[in-house]
Amino acid sequence: MLLLRWILNTLILILVAKLTPGIEFTSFWAALIASLVLGLLNALIKPLIILLTLPINILTLGLFTLIINALMFWLASSIVRGFEITNFTSAFIGALIYSVIVMIVNYLEEPKVKKVK
């Protein structure tokens, strides 16, 4: 299941690169590694950054989280060779598209549970 999720996130990253100008992958392997690094960054570093920026996040009603997502995307591109993001705007748009697609996929794969009366 974890391997399937990793490949699915990789395919979503490749789709984001096709849809967003300024985001490129040199190979499928670079996309696989970028997907892994992005997942690790989102699991380990993002919660700490959200906690540290909580006051500004509260003032912006959570919209600052979009900036944090873009920074995680951009950080992943600086770590992984073969994953290139040309500017912050591309990172922002790419992270936004990535988040929306992942949210839709998560909703679609969520098991539907019937309530018992």
PDB file of N, CA and C in Angstrom:
ATOM      1  N   MET A   1       0.825  -1.197   0.000  1.00  0.00           N
ATOM      2  CA  MET A   1       0.000   0.000   0.000  1.00  0.00           C
ATOM      3  C   MET A   1       0.870   1.263   0.000  1.00  0.00           C
ATOM      4  N   LEU A   2       1.953   1.226   0.787  1.00  0.00           N
ATOM      5  CA  LEU A   2       2.840   2.377   0.860  1.00  0.00           C
ATOM      6  C   LEU A   2       3.548   2.616  -0.480  1.00  0.00           C
ATOM      7  N   LEU A   3       3.951   1.532  -1.120  1.00  0.00           N
ATOM      8  CA  LEU A   3       4.601   1.644  -2.424  1.00  0.00           C
ATOM      9  C   LEU A   3       3.642   2.207  -3.465  1.00  0.00           C
ATOM     10  N   LEU A   4       2.400   1.762  -3.425  1.00  0.00           N
ATOM     11  CA  LEU A   4       1.388   2.272  -4.358  1.00  0.00           C
ATOM     12  C   LEU A   4       1.157   3.766  -4.138  1.00  0.00           C
ATOM     13  N   ARG A   5       1.123   4.192  -2.883  1.00  0.00           N
ATOM     14  CA  ARG A   5       0.922   5.601  -2.557  1.00  0.00           C
ATOM     15  C   ARG A   5       2.100   6.447  -3.045  1.00  0.00           C
ATOM     16  N   TRP A   6       3.312   5.908  -2.902  1.00  0.00           N
ATOM     17  CA  TRP A   6       4.508   6.610  -3.355  1.00  0.00           C
ATOM     18  C   TRP A   6       4.480   6.798  -4.866  1.00  0.00           C
ATOM     19  N   ILE A   7       4.120   5.760  -5.605  1.00  0.00           N
ATOM     20  CA  ILE A   7       4.051   5.856  -7.064  1.00  0.00           C
ATOM     21  C   ILE A   7       2.941   6.812  -7.481  1.00  0.00           C
ATOM     22  N   LEU A   8       1.818   6.776  -6.787  1.00  0.00           N
ATOM     23  CA  LEU A   8       0.718   7.694  -7.100  1.00  0.00           C
ATOM     24  C   LEU A   8       1.137   9.145  -6.880  1.00  0.00           C
ATOM     25  N   ASN A   9       1.821   9.419  -5.773  1.00  0.00           N
ATOM     26  CA  ASN A   9       2.303  10.784  -5.523  1.00  0.00           C
ATOM     27  C   ASN A   9       3.346  11.205  -6.550  1.00  0.00           C
ATOM     28  N   THR A  10       4.146  10.256  -7.013  1.00  0.00           N
ATOM     29  CA  THR A  10       5.127  10.554  -8.062  1.00  0.00           C
ATOM     30  C   THR A  10       4.425  10.941  -9.353  1.00  0.00           C
ATOM     31  N   LEU A  11       3.392  10.203  -9.706  1.00  0.00           N
ATOM     32  CA  LEU A  11       2.635  10.517 -10.924  1.00  0.00           C
ATOM     33  C   LEU A  11       1.944  11.875 -10.801  1.00  0.00           C
ATOM     34  N   ILE A  12       1.463  12.194  -9.610  1.00  0.00           N
ATOM     35  CA  ILE A  12       0.858  13.513  -9.393  1.00  0.00           C
ATOM     36  C   ILE A  12       1.914  14.605  -9.545  1.00  0.00           C
ATOM     37  N   LEU A  13       3.114  14.375  -9.034  1.00  0.00           N
ATOM     38  CA  LEU A  13       4.197  15.352  -9.196  1.00  0.00           C
ATOM     39  C   LEU A  13       4.545  15.561 -10.667  1.00  0.00           C
ATOM     40  N   ILE A  14       4.573  14.481 -11.429  1.00  0.00           N
ATOM     41  CA  ILE A  14       4.859  14.592 -12.864  1.00  0.00           C
ATOM     42  C   ILE A  14       3.758  15.384 -13.558  1.00  0.00           C
ATOM     43  N   LEU A  15       2.502  15.143 -13.175  1.00  0.00           N
ATOM     44  CA  LEU A  15       1.381  15.901 -13.742  1.00  0.00           C
ATOM     45  C   LEU A  15       1.509  17.382 -13.400  1.00  0.00           C
ATOM     46  N   VAL A  16       1.892  17.688 -12.173  1.00  0.00           N
ATOM     47  CA  VAL A  16       2.082  19.082 -11.760  1.00  0.00           C
ATOM     48  C   VAL A  16       3.180  19.729 -12.598  1.00  0.00           C
ATOM     49  N   ALA A  17       4.250  18.980 -12.866  1.00  0.00           N
ATOM     50  CA  ALA A  17       5.339  19.519 -13.690  1.00  0.00           C
ATOM     51  C   ALA A  17       4.863  19.798 -15.117  1.00  0.00           C
ATOM     52  N   LYS A  18       3.961  18.969 -15.623  1.00  0.00           N
ATOM     53  CA  LYS A  18       3.429  19.200 -16.974  1.00  0.00           C
ATOM     54  C   LYS A  18       2.500  20.409 -17.004  1.00  0.00           C
ATOM     55  N   LEU A  19       1.760  20.634 -15.907  1.00  0.00           N
ATOM     56  CA  LEU A  19       0.778  21.725 -15.864  1.00  0.00           C
ATOM     57  C   LEU A  19       1.370  23.076 -15.495  1.00  0.00           C
ATOM     58  N   THR A  20       2.504  23.071 -14.806  1.00  0.00           N
ATOM     59  CA  THR A  20       3.063  24.311 -14.277  1.00  0.00           C
ATOM     60  C   THR A  20       4.352  24.688 -15.001  1.00  0.00           C
ATOM     61  N   PRO A  21       4.373  25.848 -15.647  1.00  0.00           N
ATOM     62  CA  PRO A  21       5.634  26.281 -16.248  1.00  0.00           C
ATOM     63  C   PRO A  21       6.646  26.626 -15.147  1.00  0.00           C
ATOM     64  N   GLY A  22       7.886  26.224 -15.358  1.00  0.00           N
ATOM     65  CA  GLY A  22       8.921  26.500 -14.379  1.00  0.00           C
ATOM     66  C   GLY A  22       9.238  25.322 -13.476  1.00  0.00           C
ATOM     67  N   ILE A  23       8.514  24.202 -13.645  1.00  0.00           N
ATOM     68  CA  ILE A  23       8.796  22.993 -12.868  1.00  0.00           C
ATOM     69  C   ILE A  23       9.135  21.890 -13.855  1.00  0.00           C
ATOM     70  N   GLU A  24      10.294  21.266 -13.655  1.00  0.00           N
ATOM     71  CA  GLU A  24      10.759  20.233 -14.588  1.00  0.00           C
ATOM     72  C   GLU A  24      11.407  19.079 -13.846  1.00  0.00           C
ATOM     73  N   PHE A  25      11.288  17.901 -14.441  1.00  0.00           N
ATOM     74  CA  PHE A  25      12.009  16.715 -13.992  1.00  0.00           C
ATOM     75  C   PHE A  25      12.886  16.241 -15.129  1.00  0.00           C
ATOM     76  N   THR A  26      14.091  15.797 -14.801  1.00  0.00           N
ATOM     77  CA  THR A  26      14.981  15.285 -15.843  1.00  0.00           C
ATOM     78  C   THR A  26      14.718  13.811 -16.121  1.00  0.00           C
ATOM     79  N   SER A  27      14.158  13.098 -15.134  1.00  0.00           N
ATOM     80  CA  SER A  27      13.879  11.675 -15.328  1.00  0.00           C
ATOM     81  C   SER A  27      12.782  11.228 -14.368  1.00  0.00           C
ATOM     82  N   PHE A  28      12.281  10.025 -14.626  1.00  0.00           N
ATOM     83  CA  PHE A  28      11.279   9.449 -13.734  1.00  0.00           C
ATOM     84  C   PHE A  28      11.890   9.172 -12.365  1.00  0.00           C
ATOM     85  N   TRP A  29      13.171   8.787 -12.339  1.00  0.00           N
ATOM     86  CA  TRP A  29      13.852   8.520 -11.066  1.00  0.00           C
ATOM     87  C   TRP A  29      13.947   9.779 -10.218  1.00  0.00           C
ATOM     88  N   ALA A  30      14.181  10.903 -10.859  1.00  0.00           N
ATOM     89  CA  ALA A  30      14.224  12.169 -10.129  1.00  0.00           C
ATOM     90  C   ALA A  30      12.854  12.470  -9.523  1.00  0.00           C
ATOM     91  N   ALA A  31      11.796  12.144 -10.263  1.00  0.00           N
ATOM     92  CA  ALA A  31      10.444  12.352  -9.745  1.00  0.00           C
ATOM     93  C   ALA A  31      10.167  11.422  -8.562  1.00  0.00           C
ATOM     94  N   LEU A  32      10.642  10.179  -8.633  1.00  0.00           N
ATOM     95  CA  LEU A  32      10.465   9.245  -7.516  1.00  0.00           C
ATOM     96  C   LEU A  32      11.167   9.752  -6.257  1.00  0.00           C
ATOM     97  N   ILE A  33      12.405  10.194  -6.419  1.00  0.00           N
ATOM     98  CA  ILE A  33      13.168  10.696  -5.278  1.00  0.00           C
ATOM     99  C   ILE A  33      12.538  11.988  -4.745  1.00  0.00           C
ATOM    100  N   ALA A  34      12.086  12.864  -5.650  1.00  0.00           N
ATOM    101  CA  ALA A  34      11.459  14.121  -5.226  1.00  0.00           C
ATOM    102  C   ALA A  34      10.178  13.839  -4.445  1.00  0.00           C
ATOM    103  N   SER A  35       9.420  12.841  -4.873  1.00  0.00           N
ATOM    104  CA  SER A  35       8.206  12.475  -4.160  1.00  0.00           C
ATOM    105  C   SER A  35       8.530  11.977  -2.755  1.00  0.00           C
ATOM    106  N   LEU A  36       9.573  11.179  -2.642  1.00  0.00           N
ATOM    107  CA  LEU A  36      10.000  10.675  -1.338  1.00  0.00           C
ATOM    108  C   LEU A  36      10.473  11.815  -0.436  1.00  0.00           C
ATOM    109  N   VAL A  37      11.302  12.691  -0.975  1.00  0.00           N
ATOM    110  CA  VAL A  37      11.825  13.820  -0.195  1.00  0.00           C
ATOM    111  C   VAL A  37      10.691  14.761   0.216  1.00  0.00           C
ATOM    112  N   LEU A  38       9.769  15.034  -0.689  1.00  0.00           N
ATOM    113  CA  LEU A  38       8.641  15.910  -0.365  1.00  0.00           C
ATOM    114  C   LEU A  38       7.781  15.301   0.738  1.00  0.00           C
ATOM    115  N   GLY A  39       7.570  13.998   0.676  1.00  0.00           N
ATOM    116  CA  GLY A  39       6.814  13.329   1.736  1.00  0.00           C
ATOM    117  C   GLY A  39       7.515  13.411   3.078  1.00  0.00           C
ATOM    118  N   LEU A  40       8.827  13.216   3.082  1.00  0.00           N
ATOM    119  CA  LEU A  40       9.588  13.312   4.332  1.00  0.00           C
ATOM    120  C   LEU A  40       9.598  14.739   4.882  1.00  0.00           C
ATOM    121  N   LEU A  41       9.756  15.715   3.996  1.00  0.00           N
ATOM    122  CA  LEU A  41       9.728  17.114   4.441  1.00  0.00           C
ATOM    123  C   LEU A  41       8.373  17.468   5.039  1.00  0.00           C
ATOM    124  N   ASN A  42       7.307  17.026   4.382  1.00  0.00           N
ATOM    125  CA  ASN A  42       5.961  17.323   4.875  1.00  0.00           C
ATOM    126  C   ASN A  42       5.665  16.600   6.185  1.00  0.00           C
ATOM    127  N   ALA A  43       6.268  15.451   6.390  1.00  0.00           N
ATOM    128  CA  ALA A  43       6.019  14.700   7.626  1.00  0.00           C
ATOM    129  C   ALA A  43       6.889  15.179   8.786  1.00  0.00           C
ATOM    130  N   LEU A  44       8.116  15.598   8.509  1.00  0.00           N
ATOM    131  CA  LEU A  44       9.053  15.913   9.581  1.00  0.00           C
ATOM    132  C   LEU A  44       9.253  17.404   9.837  1.00  0.00           C
ATOM    133  N   ILE A  45       9.401  18.184   8.796  1.00  0.00           N
ATOM    134  CA  ILE A  45       9.759  19.594   8.966  1.00  0.00           C
ATOM    135  C   ILE A  45       8.546  20.521   8.954  1.00  0.00           C
ATOM    136  N   LYS A  46       7.570  20.230   8.110  1.00  0.00           N
ATOM    137  CA  LYS A  46       6.409  21.107   7.972  1.00  0.00           C
ATOM    138  C   LYS A  46       5.656  21.325   9.288  1.00  0.00           C
ATOM    139  N   PRO A  47       5.412  20.281  10.108  1.00  0.00           N
ATOM    140  CA  PRO A  47       4.708  20.551  11.371  1.00  0.00           C
ATOM    141  C   PRO A  47       5.467  21.515  12.286  1.00  0.00           C
ATOM    142  N   LEU A  48       6.784  21.409  12.306  1.00  0.00           N
ATOM    143  CA  LEU A  48       7.591  22.314  13.122  1.00  0.00           C
ATOM    144  C   LEU A  48       7.487  23.749  12.608  1.00  0.00           C
ATOM    145  N   ILE A  49       7.545  23.918  11.302  1.00  0.00           N
ATOM    146  CA  ILE A  49       7.449  25.262  10.725  1.00  0.00           C
ATOM    147  C   ILE A  49       6.062  25.853  10.960  1.00  0.00           C
ATOM    148  N   ILE A  50       5.033  25.029  10.852  1.00  0.00           N
ATOM    149  CA  ILE A  50       3.677  25.521  11.114  1.00  0.00           C
ATOM    150  C   ILE A  50       3.550  25.953  12.575  1.00  0.00           C
ATOM    151  N   LEU A  51       4.140  25.189  13.472  1.00  0.00           N
ATOM    152  CA  LEU A  51       4.103  25.558  14.887  1.00  0.00           C
ATOM    153  C   LEU A  51       4.855  26.872  15.135  1.00  0.00           C
ATOM    154  N   LEU A  52       6.008  27.039  14.511  1.00  0.00           N
ATOM    155  CA  LEU A  52       6.790  28.262  14.703  1.00  0.00           C
ATOM    156  C   LEU A  52       6.127  29.495  14.097  1.00  0.00           C
ATOM    157  N   THR A  53       5.350  29.302  13.041  1.00  0.00           N
ATOM    158  CA  THR A  53       4.695  30.436  12.375  1.00  0.00           C
ATOM    159  C   THR A  53       3.221  30.532  12.743  1.00  0.00           C
ATOM    160  N   LEU A  54       2.845  29.919  13.859  1.00  0.00           N
ATOM    161  CA  LEU A  54       1.441  29.907  14.258  1.00  0.00           C
ATOM    162  C   LEU A  54       0.825  31.304  14.396  1.00  0.00           C
ATOM    163  N   PRO A  55       1.519  32.281  14.991  1.00  0.00           N
ATOM    164  CA  PRO A  55       0.890  33.611  15.094  1.00  0.00           C
ATOM    165  C   PRO A  55       0.537  34.225  13.733  1.00  0.00           C
ATOM    166  N   ILE A  56       1.455  34.154  12.778  1.00  0.00           N
ATOM    167  CA  ILE A  56       1.149  34.723  11.458  1.00  0.00           C
ATOM    168  C   ILE A  56       0.103  33.875  10.737  1.00  0.00           C
ATOM    169  N   ASN A  57       0.099  32.590  11.009  1.00  0.00           N
ATOM    170  CA  ASN A  57      -0.905  31.719  10.408  1.00  0.00           C
ATOM    171  C   ASN A  57      -2.293  32.044  10.950  1.00  0.00           C
ATOM    172  N   ILE A  58      -2.376  32.362  12.225  1.00  0.00           N
ATOM    173  CA  ILE A  58      -3.658  32.753  12.809  1.00  0.00           C
ATOM    174  C   ILE A  58      -4.117  34.096  12.252  1.00  0.00           C
ATOM    175  N   LEU A  59      -3.180  35.047  12.128  1.00  0.00           N
ATOM    176  CA  LEU A  59      -3.530  36.368  11.589  1.00  0.00           C
ATOM    177  C   LEU A  59      -4.020  36.298  10.142  1.00  0.00           C
ATOM    178  N   THR A  60      -3.475  35.365   9.368  1.00  0.00           N
ATOM    179  CA  THR A  60      -3.869  35.248   7.951  1.00  0.00           C
ATOM    180  C   THR A  60      -4.974  34.206   7.750  1.00  0.00           C
ATOM    181  N   LEU A  61      -5.530  33.730   8.862  1.00  0.00           N
ATOM    182  CA  LEU A  61      -6.606  32.732   8.824  1.00  0.00           C
ATOM    183  C   LEU A  61      -6.190  31.464   8.078  1.00  0.00           C
ATOM    184  N   GLY A  62      -4.940  31.087   8.254  1.00  0.00           N
ATOM    185  CA  GLY A  62      -4.445  29.847   7.672  1.00  0.00           C
ATOM    186  C   GLY A  62      -3.880  29.971   6.269  1.00  0.00           C
ATOM    187  N   LEU A  63      -3.979  31.137   5.657  1.00  0.00           N
ATOM    188  CA  LEU A  63      -3.480  31.298   4.287  1.00  0.00           C
ATOM    189  C   LEU A  63      -1.958  31.238   4.201  1.00  0.00           C
ATOM    190  N   PHE A  64      -1.283  31.500   5.309  1.00  0.00           N
ATOM    191  CA  PHE A  64       0.175  31.418   5.310  1.00  0.00           C
ATOM    192  C   PHE A  64       0.647  29.980   5.088  1.00  0.00           C
ATOM    193  N   THR A  65      -0.225  29.017   5.338  1.00  0.00           N
ATOM    194  CA  THR A  65       0.097  27.615   5.085  1.00  0.00           C
ATOM    195  C   THR A  65       0.402  27.386   3.608  1.00  0.00           C
ATOM    196  N   LEU A  66      -0.219  28.163   2.730  1.00  0.00           N
ATOM    197  CA  LEU A  66       0.076  28.058   1.295  1.00  0.00           C
ATOM    198  C   LEU A  66       1.528  28.445   1.022  1.00  0.00           C
ATOM    199  N   ILE A  67       2.015  29.444   1.712  1.00  0.00           N
ATOM    200  CA  ILE A  67       3.418  29.854   1.569  1.00  0.00           C
ATOM    201  C   ILE A  67       4.337  28.753   2.081  1.00  0.00           C
ATOM    202  N   ILE A  68       3.972  28.147   3.211  1.00  0.00           N
ATOM    203  CA  ILE A  68       4.775  27.057   3.764  1.00  0.00           C
ATOM    204  C   ILE A  68       4.813  25.876   2.801  1.00  0.00           C
ATOM    205  N   ASN A  69       3.672  25.557   2.185  1.00  0.00           N
ATOM    206  CA  ASN A  69       3.634  24.475   1.191  1.00  0.00           C
ATOM    207  C   ASN A  69       4.578  24.772   0.029  1.00  0.00           C
ATOM    208  N   ALA A  70       4.555  26.010  -0.440  1.00  0.00           N
ATOM    209  CA  ALA A  70       5.440  26.399  -1.543  1.00  0.00           C
ATOM    210  C   ALA A  70       6.902  26.298  -1.128  1.00  0.00           C
ATOM    211  N   LEU A  71       7.205  26.688   0.099  1.00  0.00           N
ATOM    212  CA  LEU A  71       8.590  26.594   0.578  1.00  0.00           C
ATOM    213  C   LEU A  71       9.039  25.133   0.695  1.00  0.00           C
ATOM    214  N   MET A  72       8.159  24.241   1.121  1.00  0.00           N
ATOM    215  CA  MET A  72       8.498  22.814   1.191  1.00  0.00           C
ATOM    216  C   MET A  72       8.753  22.260  -0.214  1.00  0.00           C
ATOM    217  N   PHE A  73       7.939  22.693  -1.166  1.00  0.00           N
ATOM    218  CA  PHE A  73       8.100  22.286  -2.562  1.00  0.00           C
ATOM    219  C   PHE A  73       9.449  22.755  -3.095  1.00  0.00           C
ATOM    220  N   TRP A  74       9.751  24.019  -2.812  1.00  0.00           N
ATOM    221  CA  TRP A  74      11.002  24.611  -3.289  1.00  0.00           C
ATOM    222  C   TRP A  74      12.206  23.974  -2.595  1.00  0.00           C
ATOM    223  N   LEU A  75      12.088  23.681  -1.319  1.00  0.00           N
ATOM    224  CA  LEU A  75      13.163  23.021  -0.584  1.00  0.00           C
ATOM    225  C   LEU A  75      13.434  21.632  -1.160  1.00  0.00           C
ATOM    226  N   ALA A  76      12.378  20.921  -1.498  1.00  0.00           N
ATOM    227  CA  ALA A  76      12.544  19.595  -2.111  1.00  0.00           C
ATOM    228  C   ALA A  76      13.296  19.712  -3.435  1.00  0.00           C
ATOM    229  N   SER A  77      13.010  20.755  -4.192  1.00  0.00           N
ATOM    230  CA  SER A  77      13.702  20.921  -5.478  1.00  0.00           C
ATOM    231  C   SER A  77      15.168  21.288  -5.283  1.00  0.00           C
ATOM    232  N   SER A  78      15.490  21.933  -4.169  1.00  0.00           N
ATOM    233  CA  SER A  78      16.893  22.268  -3.936  1.00  0.00           C
ATOM    234  C   SER A  78      17.676  21.063  -3.418  1.00  0.00           C
ATOM    235  N   ILE A  79      16.984  20.076  -2.863  1.00  0.00           N
ATOM    236  CA  ILE A  79      17.644  18.879  -2.349  1.00  0.00           C
ATOM    237  C   ILE A  79      17.852  17.844  -3.452  1.00  0.00           C
ATOM    238  N   VAL A  80      16.863  17.688  -4.319  1.00  0.00           N
ATOM    239  CA  VAL A  80      16.876  16.612  -5.320  1.00  0.00           C
ATOM    240  C   VAL A  80      17.429  17.128  -6.643  1.00  0.00           C
ATOM    241  N   ARG A  81      18.479  16.474  -7.120  1.00  0.00           N
ATOM    242  CA  ARG A  81      18.988  16.804  -8.458  1.00  0.00           C
ATOM    243  C   ARG A  81      18.027  16.239  -9.489  1.00  0.00           C
ATOM    244  N   GLY A  82      17.741  17.038 -10.506  1.00  0.00           N
ATOM    245  CA  GLY A  82      16.820  16.601 -11.543  1.00  0.00           C
ATOM    246  C   GLY A  82      15.405  17.099 -11.326  1.00  0.00           C
ATOM    247  N   PHE A  83      15.165  17.772 -10.212  1.00  0.00           N
ATOM    248  CA  PHE A  83      13.879  18.397  -9.919  1.00  0.00           C
ATOM    249  C   PHE A  83      14.140  19.887  -9.844  1.00  0.00           C
ATOM    250  N   GLU A  84      13.734  20.607 -10.865  1.00  0.00           N
ATOM    251  CA  GLU A  84      14.059  22.028 -10.977  1.00  0.00           C
ATOM    252  C   GLU A  84      12.806  22.886 -10.889  1.00  0.00           C
ATOM    253  N   ILE A  85      12.860  23.898 -10.030  1.00  0.00           N
ATOM    254  CA  ILE A  85      11.818  24.920  -9.950  1.00  0.00           C
ATOM    255  C   ILE A  85      12.518  26.256 -10.158  1.00  0.00           C
ATOM    256  N   THR A  86      12.062  27.018 -11.155  1.00  0.00           N
ATOM    257  CA  THR A  86      12.779  28.225 -11.542  1.00  0.00           C
ATOM    258  C   THR A  86      12.565  29.406 -10.602  1.00  0.00           C
ATOM    259  N   ASN A  87      11.363  29.560 -10.041  1.00  0.00           N
ATOM    260  CA  ASN A  87      11.107  30.708  -9.160  1.00  0.00           C
ATOM    261  C   ASN A  87      10.042  30.367  -8.130  1.00  0.00           C
ATOM    262  N   PHE A  88       9.834  31.282  -7.196  1.00  0.00           N
ATOM    263  CA  PHE A  88       8.884  31.029  -6.122  1.00  0.00           C
ATOM    264  C   PHE A  88       7.450  30.952  -6.624  1.00  0.00           C
ATOM    265  N   THR A  89       7.132  31.717  -7.647  1.00  0.00           N
ATOM    266  CA  THR A  89       5.776  31.677  -8.198  1.00  0.00           C
ATOM    267  C   THR A  89       5.455  30.292  -8.741  1.00  0.00           C
ATOM    268  N   SER A  90       6.400  29.694  -9.437  1.00  0.00           N
ATOM    269  CA  SER A  90       6.202  28.334  -9.940  1.00  0.00           C
ATOM    270  C   SER A  90       6.046  27.350  -8.783  1.00  0.00           C
ATOM    271  N   ALA A  91       6.833  27.532  -7.728  1.00  0.00           N
ATOM    272  CA  ALA A  91       6.719  26.665  -6.558  1.00  0.00           C
ATOM    273  C   ALA A  91       5.352  26.828  -5.897  1.00  0.00           C
ATOM    274  N   PHE A  92       4.877  28.056  -5.802  1.00  0.00           N
ATOM    275  CA  PHE A  92       3.581  28.325  -5.184  1.00  0.00           C
ATOM    276  C   PHE A  92       2.453  27.684  -5.981  1.00  0.00           C
ATOM    277  N   ILE A  93       2.447  27.916  -7.296  1.00  0.00           N
ATOM    278  CA  ILE A  93       1.396  27.352  -8.148  1.00  0.00           C
ATOM    279  C   ILE A  93       1.478  25.827  -8.163  1.00  0.00           C
ATOM    280  N   GLY A  94       2.690  25.293  -8.261  1.00  0.00           N
ATOM    281  CA  GLY A  94       2.870  23.850  -8.262  1.00  0.00           C
ATOM    282  C   GLY A  94       2.420  23.217  -6.962  1.00  0.00           C
ATOM    283  N   ALA A  95       2.762  23.823  -5.838  1.00  0.00           N
ATOM    284  CA  ALA A  95       2.349  23.289  -4.540  1.00  0.00           C
ATOM    285  C   ALA A  95       0.840  23.360  -4.375  1.00  0.00           C
ATOM    286  N   LEU A  96       0.243  24.416  -4.891  1.00  0.00           N
ATOM    287  CA  LEU A  96      -1.210  24.556  -4.815  1.00  0.00           C
ATOM    288  C   LEU A  96      -1.907  23.470  -5.637  1.00  0.00           C
ATOM    289  N   ILE A  97      -1.446  23.266  -6.866  1.00  0.00           N
ATOM    290  CA  ILE A  97      -2.023  22.225  -7.718  1.00  0.00           C
ATOM    291  C   ILE A  97      -1.801  20.851  -7.099  1.00  0.00           C
ATOM    292  N   TYR A  98      -0.594  20.603  -6.596  1.00  0.00           N
ATOM    293  CA  TYR A  98      -0.271  19.330  -5.964  1.00  0.00           C
ATOM    294  C   TYR A  98      -1.187  19.062  -4.770  1.00  0.00           C
ATOM    295  N   SER A  99      -1.375  20.064  -3.924  1.00  0.00           N
ATOM    296  CA  SER A  99      -2.224  19.905  -2.743  1.00  0.00           C
ATOM    297  C   SER A  99      -3.667  19.594  -3.118  1.00  0.00           C
ATOM    298  N   VAL A 100      -4.179  20.287  -4.124  1.00  0.00           N
ATOM    299  CA  VAL A 100      -5.568  20.062  -4.546  1.00  0.00           C
ATOM    300  C   VAL A 100      -5.737  18.651  -5.109  1.00  0.00           C
ATOM    301  N   ILE A 101      -4.813  18.225  -5.957  1.00  0.00           N
ATOM    302  CA  ILE A 101      -4.925  16.884  -6.553  1.00  0.00           C
ATOM    303  C   ILE A 101      -4.794  15.798  -5.488  1.00  0.00           C
ATOM    304  N   VAL A 102      -3.856  15.949  -4.562  1.00  0.00           N
ATOM    305  CA  VAL A 102      -3.687  14.958  -3.494  1.00  0.00           C
ATOM    306  C   VAL A 102      -4.936  14.926  -2.612  1.00  0.00           C
ATOM    307  N   MET A 103      -5.526  16.082  -2.349  1.00  0.00           N
ATOM    308  CA  MET A 103      -6.744  16.130  -1.547  1.00  0.00           C
ATOM    309  C   MET A 103      -7.892  15.395  -2.246  1.00  0.00           C
ATOM    310  N   ILE A 104      -8.020  15.578  -3.553  1.00  0.00           N
ATOM    311  CA  ILE A 104      -9.060  14.890  -4.316  1.00  0.00           C
ATOM    312  C   ILE A 104      -8.823  13.384  -4.313  1.00  0.00           C
ATOM    313  N   VAL A 105      -7.580  12.961  -4.533  1.00  0.00           N
ATOM    314  CA  VAL A 105      -7.250  11.531  -4.528  1.00  0.00           C
ATOM    315  C   VAL A 105      -7.520  10.919  -3.159  1.00  0.00           C
ATOM    316  N   ASN A 106      -7.157  11.620  -2.090  1.00  0.00           N
ATOM    317  CA  ASN A 106      -7.418  11.113  -0.740  1.00  0.00           C
ATOM    318  C   ASN A 106      -8.915  10.963  -0.493  1.00  0.00           C
ATOM    319  N   TYR A 107      -9.693  11.912  -0.974  1.00  0.00           N
ATOM    320  CA  TYR A 107     -11.144  11.834  -0.812  1.00  0.00           C
ATOM    321  C   TYR A 107     -11.717  10.647  -1.586  1.00  0.00           C
ATOM    322  N   LEU A 108     -11.228  10.426  -2.793  1.00  0.00           N
ATOM    323  CA  LEU A 108     -11.754   9.346  -3.627  1.00  0.00           C
ATOM    324  C   LEU A 108     -11.381   7.962  -3.102  1.00  0.00           C
ATOM    325  N   GLU A 109     -10.251   7.835  -2.453  1.00  0.00           N
ATOM    326  CA  GLU A 109      -9.846   6.521  -1.957  1.00  0.00           C
ATOM    327  C   GLU A 109     -10.307   6.265  -0.530  1.00  0.00           C
ATOM    328  N   GLU A 110     -10.922   7.251   0.080  1.00  0.00           N
ATOM    329  CA  GLU A 110     -11.436   7.093   1.433  1.00  0.00           C
ATOM    330  C   GLU A 110     -12.575   6.080   1.433  1.00  0.00           C
ATOM    331  N   PRO A 111     -12.524   5.112   2.336  1.00  0.00           N
ATOM    332  CA  PRO A 111     -13.602   4.118   2.342  1.00  0.00           C
ATOM    333  C   PRO A 111     -14.927   4.758   2.772  1.00  0.00           C
ATOM    334  N   LYS A 112     -15.968   4.388   2.071  1.00  0.00           N
ATOM    335  CA  LYS A 112     -17.298   4.907   2.396  1.00  0.00           C
ATOM    336  C   LYS A 112     -17.924   3.982   3.438  1.00  0.00           C
ATOM    337  N   VAL A 113     -18.233   4.531   4.584  1.00  0.00           N
ATOM    338  CA  VAL A 113     -18.804   3.751   5.678  1.00  0.00           C
ATOM    339  C   VAL A 113     -20.268   4.132   5.835  1.00  0.00           C
ATOM    340  N   LYS A 114     -21.121   3.127   5.844  1.00  0.00           N
ATOM    341  CA  LYS A 114     -22.544   3.388   6.035  1.00  0.00           C
ATOM    342  C   LYS A 114     -22.838   3.434   7.522  1.00  0.00           C
ATOM    343  N   LYS A 115     -23.670   4.399   7.880  1.00  0.00           N
ATOM    344  CA  LYS A 115     -24.043   4.529   9.278  1.00  0.00           C
ATOM    345  C   LYS A 115     -25.176   3.551   9.591  1.00  0.00           C
ATOM    346  N   VAL A 116     -25.077   2.924  10.740  1.00  0.00           N
ATOM    347  CA  VAL A 116     -26.099   1.984  11.180  1.00  0.00           C
ATOM    348  C   VAL A 116     -27.034   2.708  12.121  1.00  0.00           C
ATOM    349  N   LYS A 117     -28.325   2.585  11.854  1.00  0.00           N
ATOM    350  CA  LYS A 117     -29.318   3.278  12.702  1.00  0.00           C
ATOM    351  C   LYS A 117     -29.758   2.416  13.846  1.00  0.00           C
TER     352      LYS A 117
END
